[in-house]
Amino acid sequence: MAEQRLIIEMGMGNDLNGQDYTKAAKRAIEDAFRHSSLPLFGAVGMGHDQMRVQVTVGVQEPDAVDTAALVATLPRGRAEVRVVKGGLNVATDTDDPIVIAQASVEAFLPPQEGWRLKP
């Protein structure tokens, strides 16, 4: 049996000045974290190292994001970050648009013995 997705959380982050796509992406990931808690690990005695964390971030300039910096911000599990075209740049009165990033954080677990998530 393949891994099972345990959680999906979404978040939004922005950078108001400086057009820093990595900063906006980090804030989007942090926003997603604020919506979740994983008490399952303590309840079943499972280590966080068994969890694979897949993060997808959408910004207008995907190549401007430092994915290694984003992986470093993920506190648990084996992290993977993918950056895609998305998000939004909001025009301002200057040449410094507001950058908005969207993030999806998904946690996957290998098949478990003694219990399983419903498909």
N, C-alpha and C. Protein backbone atom coordinates (compact mmCIF):
# COMPACT_ATOMS: atom_id res chain seq x y z
N MET A 1 0.84 -1.17 0.00
CA MET A 1 0.00 0.00 0.00
C MET A 1 0.89 1.24 0.00
N ALA A 2 0.53 2.23 -0.76
CA ALA A 2 1.30 3.48 -0.84
C ALA A 2 1.09 4.32 0.41
N GLU A 3 1.89 5.35 0.52
CA GLU A 3 1.73 6.28 1.64
C GLU A 3 0.31 6.84 1.67
N GLN A 4 -0.11 7.23 2.86
CA GLN A 4 -1.42 7.85 3.00
C GLN A 4 -1.25 9.30 3.44
N ARG A 5 -2.01 10.18 2.80
CA ARG A 5 -1.97 11.58 3.19
C ARG A 5 -2.72 11.74 4.49
N LEU A 6 -2.07 12.33 5.48
CA LEU A 6 -2.64 12.50 6.80
C LEU A 6 -3.25 13.88 6.97
N ILE A 7 -2.66 14.87 6.38
CA ILE A 7 -3.13 16.24 6.59
C ILE A 7 -2.84 17.09 5.36
N ILE A 8 -3.71 18.05 5.13
CA ILE A 8 -3.49 19.08 4.11
C ILE A 8 -3.86 20.40 4.77
N GLU A 9 -2.96 21.34 4.75
CA GLU A 9 -3.24 22.68 5.25
C GLU A 9 -2.81 23.69 4.20
N MET A 10 -3.53 24.79 4.12
CA MET A 10 -3.21 25.84 3.19
C MET A 10 -2.87 27.12 3.94
N GLY A 11 -2.03 27.93 3.32
CA GLY A 11 -1.67 29.20 3.93
C GLY A 11 -1.39 30.25 2.89
N MET A 12 -1.39 31.51 3.33
CA MET A 12 -1.09 32.63 2.47
C MET A 12 -0.08 33.52 3.16
N GLY A 13 0.87 34.03 2.41
CA GLY A 13 1.85 34.95 2.96
C GLY A 13 2.17 36.02 1.95
N ASN A 14 2.71 37.13 2.44
CA ASN A 14 3.04 38.21 1.50
C ASN A 14 4.31 38.92 1.91
N ASP A 15 4.84 39.67 0.97
CA ASP A 15 5.95 40.58 1.21
C ASP A 15 5.50 41.93 0.66
N LEU A 16 5.37 42.88 1.57
CA LEU A 16 4.83 44.19 1.18
C LEU A 16 5.85 45.09 0.50
N ASN A 17 7.11 44.92 0.84
CA ASN A 17 8.17 45.76 0.27
C ASN A 17 9.37 44.90 -0.08
N GLY A 18 9.90 45.07 -1.26
CA GLY A 18 11.11 44.37 -1.62
C GLY A 18 10.94 43.23 -2.60
N GLN A 19 9.72 42.85 -2.89
CA GLN A 19 9.42 41.80 -3.88
C GLN A 19 10.23 40.54 -3.60
N ASP A 20 10.21 40.10 -2.33
CA ASP A 20 10.97 38.91 -1.90
C ASP A 20 10.03 37.70 -1.91
N TYR A 21 10.13 36.90 -2.96
CA TYR A 21 9.25 35.75 -3.13
C TYR A 21 9.52 34.67 -2.09
N THR A 22 10.77 34.51 -1.67
CA THR A 22 11.08 33.51 -0.65
C THR A 22 10.46 33.91 0.68
N LYS A 23 10.53 35.19 1.04
CA LYS A 23 9.92 35.66 2.29
C LYS A 23 8.41 35.43 2.27
N ALA A 24 7.76 35.76 1.16
CA ALA A 24 6.32 35.55 1.05
C ALA A 24 5.98 34.06 1.16
N ALA A 25 6.80 33.20 0.52
CA ALA A 25 6.56 31.76 0.57
C ALA A 25 6.74 31.22 1.99
N LYS A 26 7.77 31.67 2.71
CA LYS A 26 7.97 31.25 4.11
C LYS A 26 6.77 31.63 4.95
N ARG A 27 6.26 32.82 4.75
CA ARG A 27 5.10 33.28 5.52
C ARG A 27 3.86 32.45 5.19
N ALA A 28 3.71 32.04 3.94
CA ALA A 28 2.57 31.20 3.56
C ALA A 28 2.66 29.83 4.25
N ILE A 29 3.86 29.27 4.30
CA ILE A 29 4.06 27.98 4.97
C ILE A 29 3.79 28.12 6.47
N GLU A 30 4.31 29.17 7.08
CA GLU A 30 4.07 29.41 8.50
C GLU A 30 2.58 29.59 8.79
N ASP A 31 1.86 30.25 7.90
CA ASP A 31 0.42 30.43 8.06
C ASP A 31 -0.28 29.07 8.04
N ALA A 32 0.13 28.19 7.14
CA ALA A 32 -0.45 26.85 7.09
C ALA A 32 -0.19 26.09 8.39
N PHE A 33 1.01 26.21 8.93
CA PHE A 33 1.34 25.53 10.20
C PHE A 33 0.45 26.00 11.34
N ARG A 34 0.08 27.25 11.34
CA ARG A 34 -0.73 27.78 12.44
C ARG A 34 -2.14 27.18 12.46
N HIS A 35 -2.52 26.49 11.39
CA HIS A 35 -3.84 25.88 11.31
C HIS A 35 -3.83 24.41 11.67
N SER A 36 -2.68 23.87 12.07
CA SER A 36 -2.64 22.43 12.25
C SER A 36 -1.93 22.01 13.54
N SER A 37 -2.24 20.81 13.94
CA SER A 37 -1.59 20.15 15.06
C SER A 37 -1.63 18.65 14.75
N LEU A 38 -0.56 17.95 15.08
CA LEU A 38 -0.50 16.53 14.78
C LEU A 38 -0.32 15.71 16.06
N PRO A 39 -1.36 15.60 16.88
CA PRO A 39 -1.24 14.82 18.11
C PRO A 39 -1.14 13.32 17.86
N LEU A 40 -1.37 12.89 16.64
CA LEU A 40 -1.32 11.49 16.29
C LEU A 40 0.01 10.84 16.66
N PHE A 41 1.10 11.55 16.46
CA PHE A 41 2.41 10.96 16.70
C PHE A 41 2.60 10.54 18.15
N GLY A 42 2.23 11.39 19.08
CA GLY A 42 2.33 11.04 20.49
C GLY A 42 1.36 9.94 20.86
N ALA A 43 0.19 9.95 20.26
CA ALA A 43 -0.85 8.98 20.60
C ALA A 43 -0.47 7.56 20.21
N VAL A 44 0.25 7.40 19.12
CA VAL A 44 0.61 6.06 18.65
C VAL A 44 2.09 5.76 18.80
N GLY A 45 2.84 6.67 19.40
CA GLY A 45 4.27 6.44 19.62
C GLY A 45 5.10 6.41 18.35
N MET A 46 4.72 7.19 17.39
CA MET A 46 5.40 7.24 16.10
C MET A 46 6.34 8.45 16.05
N GLY A 47 7.50 8.27 15.45
CA GLY A 47 8.44 9.38 15.29
C GLY A 47 8.10 10.23 14.08
N HIS A 48 8.40 11.51 14.17
CA HIS A 48 8.13 12.43 13.05
C HIS A 48 8.97 12.10 11.81
N ASP A 49 10.06 11.34 12.01
CA ASP A 49 10.90 11.00 10.87
C ASP A 49 10.21 10.05 9.89
N GLN A 50 9.10 9.47 10.30
CA GLN A 50 8.33 8.59 9.41
C GLN A 50 7.42 9.38 8.46
N MET A 51 7.30 10.67 8.70
CA MET A 51 6.39 11.51 7.92
C MET A 51 7.14 12.18 6.76
N ARG A 52 6.52 12.13 5.59
CA ARG A 52 7.03 12.89 4.45
C ARG A 52 6.16 14.13 4.31
N VAL A 53 6.78 15.28 4.22
CA VAL A 53 6.06 16.54 4.11
C VAL A 53 6.28 17.09 2.70
N GLN A 54 5.19 17.27 1.98
CA GLN A 54 5.24 17.81 0.62
C GLN A 54 4.62 19.20 0.63
N VAL A 55 5.43 20.19 0.29
CA VAL A 55 4.96 21.57 0.26
C VAL A 55 4.93 22.04 -1.19
N THR A 56 3.82 22.63 -1.59
CA THR A 56 3.72 23.26 -2.90
C THR A 56 3.42 24.74 -2.67
N VAL A 57 4.24 25.59 -3.26
CA VAL A 57 4.10 27.04 -3.11
C VAL A 57 3.85 27.65 -4.48
N GLY A 58 2.87 28.55 -4.57
CA GLY A 58 2.59 29.25 -5.80
C GLY A 58 2.95 30.71 -5.69
N VAL A 59 3.81 31.18 -6.59
CA VAL A 59 4.18 32.60 -6.68
C VAL A 59 4.28 32.97 -8.16
N GLN A 60 4.26 34.24 -8.43
CA GLN A 60 4.34 34.70 -9.82
C GLN A 60 5.72 34.46 -10.45
N GLU A 61 6.78 34.41 -9.64
CA GLU A 61 8.14 34.20 -10.15
C GLU A 61 8.76 32.99 -9.44
N PRO A 62 8.39 31.77 -9.83
CA PRO A 62 8.89 30.57 -9.14
C PRO A 62 10.42 30.48 -9.07
N ASP A 63 11.11 30.93 -10.09
CA ASP A 63 12.58 30.84 -10.10
C ASP A 63 13.23 31.77 -9.08
N ALA A 64 12.47 32.71 -8.53
CA ALA A 64 13.02 33.65 -7.55
C ALA A 64 12.94 33.11 -6.13
N VAL A 65 12.45 31.90 -5.94
CA VAL A 65 12.29 31.32 -4.60
C VAL A 65 13.47 30.40 -4.28
N ASP A 66 14.02 30.56 -3.09
CA ASP A 66 15.10 29.71 -2.59
C ASP A 66 14.47 28.51 -1.89
N THR A 67 14.34 27.39 -2.61
CA THR A 67 13.66 26.23 -2.04
C THR A 67 14.43 25.64 -0.86
N ALA A 68 15.75 25.71 -0.88
CA ALA A 68 16.54 25.19 0.26
C ALA A 68 16.21 25.97 1.54
N ALA A 69 16.01 27.26 1.42
CA ALA A 69 15.64 28.07 2.59
C ALA A 69 14.26 27.66 3.11
N LEU A 70 13.36 27.30 2.22
CA LEU A 70 12.03 26.86 2.64
C LEU A 70 12.09 25.50 3.33
N VAL A 71 12.87 24.57 2.78
CA VAL A 71 13.03 23.26 3.40
C VAL A 71 13.57 23.42 4.82
N ALA A 72 14.50 24.35 5.00
CA ALA A 72 15.11 24.57 6.31
C ALA A 72 14.10 25.07 7.35
N THR A 73 13.00 25.65 6.92
CA THR A 73 12.00 26.16 7.87
C THR A 73 11.01 25.10 8.32
N LEU A 74 11.01 23.93 7.67
CA LEU A 74 10.05 22.88 8.00
C LEU A 74 10.57 22.08 9.19
N PRO A 75 9.83 22.10 10.30
CA PRO A 75 10.36 21.56 11.55
C PRO A 75 10.31 20.04 11.71
N ARG A 76 9.52 19.35 10.93
CA ARG A 76 9.33 17.92 11.14
C ARG A 76 9.31 17.17 9.82
N GLY A 77 9.66 15.91 9.88
CA GLY A 77 9.52 15.04 8.72
C GLY A 77 10.58 15.23 7.66
N ARG A 78 10.45 14.46 6.61
CA ARG A 78 11.33 14.54 5.45
C ARG A 78 10.66 15.49 4.46
N ALA A 79 11.23 16.66 4.32
CA ALA A 79 10.55 17.74 3.58
C ALA A 79 10.96 17.81 2.12
N GLU A 80 9.96 18.09 1.29
CA GLU A 80 10.15 18.36 -0.13
C GLU A 80 9.38 19.63 -0.44
N VAL A 81 9.98 20.54 -1.21
CA VAL A 81 9.30 21.78 -1.59
C VAL A 81 9.31 21.90 -3.10
N ARG A 82 8.14 22.22 -3.62
CA ARG A 82 7.97 22.44 -5.06
C ARG A 82 7.36 23.83 -5.22
N VAL A 83 7.92 24.62 -6.14
CA VAL A 83 7.41 25.97 -6.39
C VAL A 83 6.83 26.01 -7.79
N VAL A 84 5.61 26.53 -7.89
CA VAL A 84 4.90 26.59 -9.16
C VAL A 84 4.43 28.02 -9.42
N LYS A 85 4.06 28.27 -10.65
CA LYS A 85 3.50 29.58 -11.01
C LYS A 85 2.13 29.71 -10.35
N GLY A 86 1.92 30.79 -9.64
CA GLY A 86 0.66 31.02 -8.95
C GLY A 86 0.76 32.30 -8.14
N GLY A 87 0.05 32.35 -7.05
CA GLY A 87 0.10 33.55 -6.21
C GLY A 87 -0.37 34.77 -6.96
N LEU A 88 0.12 35.92 -6.52
CA LEU A 88 -0.35 37.17 -7.10
C LEU A 88 0.66 38.28 -6.83
N ASN A 89 0.88 39.13 -7.79
CA ASN A 89 1.61 40.38 -7.60
C ASN A 89 0.59 41.50 -7.68
N VAL A 90 0.55 42.33 -6.65
CA VAL A 90 -0.40 43.43 -6.62
C VAL A 90 0.34 44.72 -6.94
N ALA A 91 -0.08 45.41 -7.99
CA ALA A 91 0.57 46.65 -8.38
C ALA A 91 0.38 47.72 -7.32
N THR A 92 1.40 48.54 -7.15
CA THR A 92 1.34 49.67 -6.23
C THR A 92 1.67 50.93 -7.00
N ASP A 93 1.73 52.06 -6.30
CA ASP A 93 2.07 53.33 -6.96
C ASP A 93 3.55 53.42 -7.31
N THR A 94 4.34 52.47 -6.83
CA THR A 94 5.77 52.43 -7.13
C THR A 94 6.05 51.20 -7.98
N ASP A 95 7.31 50.97 -8.29
CA ASP A 95 7.69 49.77 -9.05
C ASP A 95 7.98 48.61 -8.11
N ASP A 96 7.34 48.58 -6.95
CA ASP A 96 7.58 47.57 -5.92
C ASP A 96 6.25 46.89 -5.60
N PRO A 97 5.83 45.91 -6.41
CA PRO A 97 4.53 45.27 -6.17
C PRO A 97 4.52 44.46 -4.87
N ILE A 98 3.34 44.29 -4.33
CA ILE A 98 3.14 43.41 -3.18
C ILE A 98 3.11 41.98 -3.72
N VAL A 99 3.90 41.10 -3.11
CA VAL A 99 3.99 39.71 -3.52
C VAL A 99 3.13 38.86 -2.59
N ILE A 100 2.24 38.08 -3.16
CA ILE A 100 1.40 37.17 -2.39
C ILE A 100 1.69 35.74 -2.82
N ALA A 101 1.97 34.89 -1.84
CA ALA A 101 2.25 33.47 -2.10
C ALA A 101 1.17 32.62 -1.45
N GLN A 102 0.87 31.50 -2.08
CA GLN A 102 -0.05 30.50 -1.53
C GLN A 102 0.75 29.23 -1.29
N ALA A 103 0.45 28.53 -0.20
CA ALA A 103 1.15 27.28 0.10
C ALA A 103 0.18 26.19 0.48
N SER A 104 0.50 24.99 0.06
CA SER A 104 -0.20 23.79 0.49
C SER A 104 0.84 22.91 1.18
N VAL A 105 0.55 22.50 2.41
CA VAL A 105 1.44 21.62 3.16
C VAL A 105 0.71 20.30 3.38
N GLU A 106 1.29 19.22 2.84
CA GLU A 106 0.68 17.90 2.96
C GLU A 106 1.63 16.98 3.72
N ALA A 107 1.08 16.19 4.62
CA ALA A 107 1.87 15.22 5.38
C ALA A 107 1.41 13.81 5.01
N PHE A 108 2.37 12.95 4.71
CA PHE A 108 2.11 11.57 4.31
C PHE A 108 2.79 10.60 5.28
N LEU A 109 2.13 9.49 5.55
CA LEU A 109 2.70 8.43 6.39
C LEU A 109 2.73 7.12 5.62
N PRO A 110 3.72 6.27 5.92
CA PRO A 110 3.72 4.94 5.32
C PRO A 110 2.58 4.12 5.90
N PRO A 111 2.25 3.01 5.28
CA PRO A 111 1.19 2.14 5.82
C PRO A 111 1.52 1.75 7.27
N GLN A 112 0.50 1.70 8.10
CA GLN A 112 0.67 1.40 9.52
C GLN A 112 0.06 0.04 9.86
N GLU A 113 0.61 -0.59 10.87
CA GLU A 113 0.04 -1.83 11.36
C GLU A 113 -0.80 -1.56 12.59
N GLY A 114 -1.93 -2.25 12.71
CA GLY A 114 -2.77 -2.09 13.88
C GLY A 114 -3.81 -0.99 13.73
N TRP A 115 -3.63 -0.09 12.79
CA TRP A 115 -4.60 0.95 12.50
C TRP A 115 -4.31 1.47 11.12
N ARG A 116 -5.26 2.10 10.51
CA ARG A 116 -5.05 2.71 9.20
C ARG A 116 -6.05 3.82 9.00
N LEU A 117 -5.71 4.75 8.12
CA LEU A 117 -6.64 5.81 7.76
C LEU A 117 -7.63 5.24 6.75
N LYS A 118 -8.85 5.68 6.83
CA LYS A 118 -9.82 5.24 5.84
C LYS A 118 -9.48 5.83 4.49
N PRO A 119 -9.62 5.06 3.41
CA PRO A 119 -9.32 5.59 2.07
C PRO A 119 -10.29 6.66 1.65
